[in-house]
């Protein structure tokens, strides 16, 4: 049995969970998330905890046990606290701004790059060089942060570009002069 899958999921007081077969819907102060879990697992609510268990001893069920538990735990955490990814913009003239709900990034191209957030995700900019992507769905927040980073990934010589907060960029030495 999966070690991750064995752990019960605590449900906070302000979060409600509806289970209909493999469909799980979680409502909380930050929004509502629903997901259909893969075959081979069962979710049961026992008081103020959720327990995910494999329905059989087949390999497929055991493989999906830990995954399903993590997906449900992320849904519960997302609607109660939310998720945030922080990106840093490094480079002369590189900056970001929020116009309405859109994120406008100037990253050394001849034009500005505009990004429209999907439903459930918000962009915020702190001091022109720090972008905050936040929302209830961990997967959606991570994908949007990856799309922003992909506008100008950090380069290894000067470190210019858009990177995650705390990300280490492996630097290269560059050219050596004639001697």
C-alpha atoms as a PDB file:
ATOM      1  CA  UNK A   1       0.000   0.000   0.000  1.00  0.00           C
ATOM      2  CA  UNK A   2       1.160   3.518  -0.759  1.00  0.00           C
ATOM      3  CA  UNK A   3       2.658   5.365   2.223  1.00  0.00           C
ATOM      4  CA  UNK A   4       1.296   8.654   0.934  1.00  0.00           C
ATOM      5  CA  UNK A   5      -2.093   7.103   0.197  1.00  0.00           C
ATOM      6  CA  UNK A   6      -2.484   5.709   3.733  1.00  0.00           C
ATOM      7  CA  UNK A   7      -2.501   9.147   5.359  1.00  0.00           C
ATOM      8  CA  UNK A   8      -5.990  10.526   6.051  1.00  0.00           C
ATOM      9  CA  UNK A   9      -6.855  13.998   4.735  1.00  0.00           C
ATOM     10  CA  UNK A  10      -8.078  16.424   7.416  1.00  0.00           C
ATOM     11  CA  UNK A  11     -11.008  18.580   6.271  1.00  0.00           C
ATOM     12  CA  UNK A  12     -11.144  22.096   7.826  1.00  0.00           C
ATOM     13  CA  UNK A  13     -14.408  23.283   9.390  1.00  0.00           C
ATOM     14  CA  UNK A  14     -15.251  25.759   6.606  1.00  0.00           C
ATOM     15  CA  UNK A  15     -14.769  23.200   3.799  1.00  0.00           C
ATOM     16  CA  UNK A  16     -17.518  20.866   2.562  1.00  0.00           C
ATOM     17  CA  UNK A  17     -16.896  17.728   0.513  1.00  0.00           C
ATOM     18  CA  UNK A  18     -19.386  15.934  -1.753  1.00  0.00           C
ATOM     19  CA  UNK A  19     -18.501  12.447  -2.995  1.00  0.00           C
ATOM     20  CA  UNK A  20     -20.470  10.831  -5.822  1.00  0.00           C
ATOM     21  CA  UNK A  21     -18.704   7.625  -6.816  1.00  0.00           C
ATOM     22  CA  UNK A  22     -15.390   8.733  -8.334  1.00  0.00           C
ATOM     23  CA  UNK A  23     -16.464  12.396  -8.627  1.00  0.00           C
ATOM     24  CA  UNK A  24     -15.259  14.529  -5.720  1.00  0.00           C
ATOM     25  CA  UNK A  25     -16.413  18.137  -5.249  1.00  0.00           C
ATOM     26  CA  UNK A  26     -14.837  20.378  -2.620  1.00  0.00           C
ATOM     27  CA  UNK A  27     -16.260  23.789  -1.636  1.00  0.00           C
ATOM     28  CA  UNK A  28     -14.556  26.337   0.568  1.00  0.00           C
ATOM     29  CA  UNK A  29     -13.918  30.037   1.097  1.00  0.00           C
ATOM     30  CA  UNK A  30     -11.498  30.265  -1.874  1.00  0.00           C
ATOM     31  CA  UNK A  31     -13.844  28.594  -4.370  1.00  0.00           C
ATOM     32  CA  UNK A  32     -15.082  25.238  -5.577  1.00  0.00           C
ATOM     33  CA  UNK A  33     -13.100  22.439  -7.224  1.00  0.00           C
ATOM     34  CA  UNK A  34     -14.285  19.137  -8.652  1.00  0.00           C
ATOM     35  CA  UNK A  35     -12.424  16.206 -10.149  1.00  0.00           C
ATOM     36  CA  UNK A  36     -13.187  12.706 -11.340  1.00  0.00           C
ATOM     37  CA  UNK A  37     -10.657  10.330  -9.808  1.00  0.00           C
ATOM     38  CA  UNK A  38      -9.171   7.420 -11.768  1.00  0.00           C
ATOM     39  CA  UNK A  39     -10.649   3.917 -11.565  1.00  0.00           C
ATOM     40  CA  UNK A  40      -9.366   1.639  -8.823  1.00  0.00           C
ATOM     41  CA  UNK A  41      -9.692   3.944  -5.800  1.00  0.00           C
ATOM     42  CA  UNK A  42     -12.471   4.811  -3.382  1.00  0.00           C
ATOM     43  CA  UNK A  43     -12.898   7.950  -1.284  1.00  0.00           C
ATOM     44  CA  UNK A  44     -14.809   7.774   2.011  1.00  0.00           C
ATOM     45  CA  UNK A  45     -15.580  10.618   4.408  1.00  0.00           C
ATOM     46  CA  UNK A  46     -15.185   9.632   8.057  1.00  0.00           C
ATOM     47  CA  UNK A  47     -16.174  12.561  10.275  1.00  0.00           C
ATOM     48  CA  UNK A  48     -13.840  15.454   9.501  1.00  0.00           C
ATOM     49  CA  UNK A  49     -11.327  13.372   7.514  1.00  0.00           C
ATOM     50  CA  UNK A  50     -11.226  11.823   4.053  1.00  0.00           C
ATOM     51  CA  UNK A  51      -9.719   8.387   3.490  1.00  0.00           C
ATOM     52  CA  UNK A  52      -8.602   7.212   0.054  1.00  0.00           C
ATOM     53  CA  UNK A  53      -8.168   3.471  -0.413  1.00  0.00           C
ATOM     54  CA  UNK A  54      -7.535   1.131  -3.350  1.00  0.00           C
ATOM     55  CA  UNK A  55     -10.572  -0.923  -4.390  1.00  0.00           C
ATOM     56  CA  UNK A  56      -8.528  -3.996  -5.305  1.00  0.00           C
ATOM     57  CA  UNK A  57      -5.028  -5.380  -4.948  1.00  0.00           C
ATOM     58  CA  UNK A  58      -4.245  -5.006  -8.657  1.00  0.00           C
ATOM     59  CA  UNK A  59      -1.170  -3.074  -9.676  1.00  0.00           C
ATOM     60  CA  UNK A  60      -3.239  -0.288 -11.336  1.00  0.00           C
ATOM     61  CA  UNK A  61      -5.154   0.359  -8.109  1.00  0.00           C
ATOM     62  CA  UNK A  62      -1.998   0.472  -6.029  1.00  0.00           C
ATOM     63  CA  UNK A  63      -0.331   2.850  -8.539  1.00  0.00           C
ATOM     64  CA  UNK A  64      -3.242   5.279  -8.424  1.00  0.00           C
ATOM     65  CA  UNK A  65      -3.744   5.173  -4.652  1.00  0.00           C
ATOM     66  CA  UNK A  66      -1.121   7.779  -3.674  1.00  0.00           C
ATOM     67  CA  UNK A  67      -1.903   9.947  -6.714  1.00  0.00           C
ATOM     68  CA  UNK A  68      -5.600  10.121  -5.884  1.00  0.00           C
ATOM     69  CA  UNK A  69      -4.925  10.937  -2.232  1.00  0.00           C
ATOM     70  CA  UNK A  70      -2.589  13.786  -3.252  1.00  0.00           C
ATOM     71  CA  UNK A  71      -5.100  15.159  -5.776  1.00  0.00           C
ATOM     72  CA  UNK A  72      -7.882  15.248  -3.168  1.00  0.00           C
ATOM     73  CA  UNK A  73      -5.555  16.750  -0.520  1.00  0.00           C
ATOM     74  CA  UNK A  74      -4.533  19.502  -2.969  1.00  0.00           C
ATOM     75  CA  UNK A  75      -8.197  20.262  -3.667  1.00  0.00           C
ATOM     76  CA  UNK A  76      -8.952  20.589   0.068  1.00  0.00           C
ATOM     77  CA  UNK A  77      -5.891  22.793   0.661  1.00  0.00           C
ATOM     78  CA  UNK A  78      -6.661  24.901  -2.420  1.00  0.00           C
ATOM     79  CA  UNK A  79     -10.221  25.820  -1.430  1.00  0.00           C
ATOM     80  CA  UNK A  80      -9.211  26.523   2.190  1.00  0.00           C
ATOM     81  CA  UNK A  81      -5.858  28.354   1.801  1.00  0.00           C
ATOM     82  CA  UNK A  82      -5.118  28.652  -1.933  1.00  0.00           C
ATOM     83  CA  UNK A  83      -1.816  28.270  -3.771  1.00  0.00           C
ATOM     84  CA  UNK A  84       0.699  30.911  -4.850  1.00  0.00           C
ATOM     85  CA  UNK A  85       3.723  30.766  -7.160  1.00  0.00           C
ATOM     86  CA  UNK A  86       6.196  33.640  -7.127  1.00  0.00           C
ATOM     87  CA  UNK A  87       8.295  34.532 -10.172  1.00  0.00           C
ATOM     88  CA  UNK A  88      11.217  36.959 -10.312  1.00  0.00           C
ATOM     89  CA  UNK A  89      12.113  38.991 -13.396  1.00  0.00           C
ATOM     90  CA  UNK A  90      15.854  39.681 -13.786  1.00  0.00           C
ATOM     91  CA  UNK A  91      17.288  41.963 -16.466  1.00  0.00           C
ATOM     92  CA  UNK A  92      17.643  45.602 -17.405  1.00  0.00           C
ATOM     93  CA  UNK A  93      14.332  46.866 -18.776  1.00  0.00           C
ATOM     94  CA  UNK A  94      12.492  43.628 -17.989  1.00  0.00           C
ATOM     95  CA  UNK A  95       9.298  44.304 -16.039  1.00  0.00           C
ATOM     96  CA  UNK A  96       5.689  43.274 -15.571  1.00  0.00           C
ATOM     97  CA  UNK A  97       2.440  45.093 -14.883  1.00  0.00           C
ATOM     98  CA  UNK A  98      -1.195  44.175 -14.368  1.00  0.00           C
ATOM     99  CA  UNK A  99      -3.706  45.962 -16.619  1.00  0.00           C
ATOM    100  CA  UNK A 100      -7.217  45.045 -15.514  1.00  0.00           C
ATOM    101  CA  UNK A 101      -6.888  41.292 -15.103  1.00  0.00           C
ATOM    102  CA  UNK A 102      -4.235  40.844 -17.825  1.00  0.00           C
ATOM    103  CA  UNK A 103      -0.535  40.509 -17.098  1.00  0.00           C
ATOM    104  CA  UNK A 104       1.688  42.560 -19.438  1.00  0.00           C
ATOM    105  CA  UNK A 105       5.353  41.484 -19.536  1.00  0.00           C
ATOM    106  CA  UNK A 106       8.206  43.424 -21.153  1.00  0.00           C
ATOM    107  CA  UNK A 107      11.052  40.937 -21.532  1.00  0.00           C
ATOM    108  CA  UNK A 108      13.369  42.294 -24.195  1.00  0.00           C
ATOM    109  CA  UNK A 109      11.202  41.583 -27.221  1.00  0.00           C
ATOM    110  CA  UNK A 110      10.047  44.205 -29.734  1.00  0.00           C
ATOM    111  CA  UNK A 111       6.560  43.895 -28.257  1.00  0.00           C
ATOM    112  CA  UNK A 112       4.982  43.367 -24.852  1.00  0.00           C
ATOM    113  CA  UNK A 113       3.567  39.934 -24.051  1.00  0.00           C
ATOM    114  CA  UNK A 114       0.001  39.929 -22.674  1.00  0.00           C
ATOM    115  CA  UNK A 115      -1.370  37.004 -20.702  1.00  0.00           C
ATOM    116  CA  UNK A 116      -5.049  36.579 -19.846  1.00  0.00           C
ATOM    117  CA  UNK A 117      -5.584  34.493 -16.688  1.00  0.00           C
ATOM    118  CA  UNK A 118      -7.964  31.530 -16.856  1.00  0.00           C
ATOM    119  CA  UNK A 119     -10.961  31.411 -14.531  1.00  0.00           C
ATOM    120  CA  UNK A 120      -9.824  30.859 -10.955  1.00  0.00           C
ATOM    121  CA  UNK A 121      -6.313  32.335 -11.351  1.00  0.00           C
ATOM    122  CA  UNK A 122      -5.219  35.879 -10.508  1.00  0.00           C
ATOM    123  CA  UNK A 123      -2.024  37.751 -11.327  1.00  0.00           C
ATOM    124  CA  UNK A 124      -0.430  40.342  -9.053  1.00  0.00           C
ATOM    125  CA  UNK A 125       2.796  42.322  -9.501  1.00  0.00           C
ATOM    126  CA  UNK A 126       4.984  43.492  -6.646  1.00  0.00           C
ATOM    127  CA  UNK A 127       7.525  46.201  -7.534  1.00  0.00           C
ATOM    128  CA  UNK A 128       7.649  45.619 -11.339  1.00  0.00           C
ATOM    129  CA  UNK A 129       9.904  42.566 -11.003  1.00  0.00           C
ATOM    130  CA  UNK A 130       7.967  40.062  -8.873  1.00  0.00           C
ATOM    131  CA  UNK A 131       4.898  38.303 -10.266  1.00  0.00           C
ATOM    132  CA  UNK A 132       2.480  36.417  -8.005  1.00  0.00           C
ATOM    133  CA  UNK A 133       0.235  33.780  -9.568  1.00  0.00           C
ATOM    134  CA  UNK A 134      -2.461  32.618  -7.151  1.00  0.00           C
ATOM    135  CA  UNK A 135      -5.604  30.515  -7.181  1.00  0.00           C
ATOM    136  CA  UNK A 136      -7.340  27.507  -5.676  1.00  0.00           C
ATOM    137  CA  UNK A 137      -6.284  24.886  -8.263  1.00  0.00           C
ATOM    138  CA  UNK A 138      -2.624  23.892  -7.762  1.00  0.00           C
ATOM    139  CA  UNK A 139      -2.321  22.439 -11.259  1.00  0.00           C
ATOM    140  CA  UNK A 140      -3.709  25.560 -12.939  1.00  0.00           C
ATOM    141  CA  UNK A 141      -1.518  27.915 -10.868  1.00  0.00           C
ATOM    142  CA  UNK A 142       1.595  25.870 -11.721  1.00  0.00           C
ATOM    143  CA  UNK A 143       0.760  25.779 -15.435  1.00  0.00           C
ATOM    144  CA  UNK A 144       0.206  29.549 -15.609  1.00  0.00           C
ATOM    145  CA  UNK A 145       3.468  30.179 -13.750  1.00  0.00           C
ATOM    146  CA  UNK A 146       5.262  27.891 -16.222  1.00  0.00           C
ATOM    147  CA  UNK A 147       3.740  29.813 -19.165  1.00  0.00           C
ATOM    148  CA  UNK A 148       4.984  33.114 -17.708  1.00  0.00           C
ATOM    149  CA  UNK A 149       8.467  31.641 -17.161  1.00  0.00           C
ATOM    150  CA  UNK A 150       8.458  30.350 -20.753  1.00  0.00           C
ATOM    151  CA  UNK A 151       8.172  33.932 -22.073  1.00  0.00           C
ATOM    152  CA  UNK A 152      11.883  34.415 -21.312  1.00  0.00           C
ATOM    153  CA  UNK A 153      13.540  31.499 -19.455  1.00  0.00           C
ATOM    154  CA  UNK A 154      16.687  32.464 -17.525  1.00  0.00           C
ATOM    155  CA  UNK A 155      19.879  32.248 -19.552  1.00  0.00           C
ATOM    156  CA  UNK A 156      23.083  30.754 -18.072  1.00  0.00           C
ATOM    157  CA  UNK A 157      25.574  33.569 -18.812  1.00  0.00           C
ATOM    158  CA  UNK A 158      24.092  36.654 -17.127  1.00  0.00           C
ATOM    159  CA  UNK A 159      21.053  35.065 -15.463  1.00  0.00           C
ATOM    160  CA  UNK A 160      18.610  37.361 -17.266  1.00  0.00           C
ATOM    161  CA  UNK A 161      15.035  36.161 -17.699  1.00  0.00           C
ATOM    162  CA  UNK A 162      12.036  35.048 -15.661  1.00  0.00           C
ATOM    163  CA  UNK A 163      12.659  32.495 -12.920  1.00  0.00           C
ATOM    164  CA  UNK A 164      10.806  30.970  -9.989  1.00  0.00           C
ATOM    165  CA  UNK A 165      11.579  32.412  -6.566  1.00  0.00           C
ATOM    166  CA  UNK A 166      14.469  30.464  -5.082  1.00  0.00           C
ATOM    167  CA  UNK A 167      15.355  28.740  -8.383  1.00  0.00           C
ATOM    168  CA  UNK A 168      19.105  28.243  -8.821  1.00  0.00           C
ATOM    169  CA  UNK A 169      20.401  29.097 -12.273  1.00  0.00           C
ATOM    170  CA  UNK A 170      23.523  27.164 -13.236  1.00  0.00           C
ATOM    171  CA  UNK A 171      25.900  29.827 -14.514  1.00  0.00           C
ATOM    172  CA  UNK A 172      28.520  29.382 -17.221  1.00  0.00           C
ATOM    173  CA  UNK A 173      31.865  31.151 -17.336  1.00  0.00           C
ATOM    174  CA  UNK A 174      31.534  32.642 -20.813  1.00  0.00           C
ATOM    175  CA  UNK A 175      34.392  33.462 -23.152  1.00  0.00           C
ATOM    176  CA  UNK A 176      37.938  34.030 -21.960  1.00  0.00           C
ATOM    177  CA  UNK A 177      39.964  36.826 -23.567  1.00  0.00           C
ATOM    178  CA  UNK A 178      43.143  36.410 -25.653  1.00  0.00           C
ATOM    179  CA  UNK A 179      46.370  36.168 -23.714  1.00  0.00           C
END
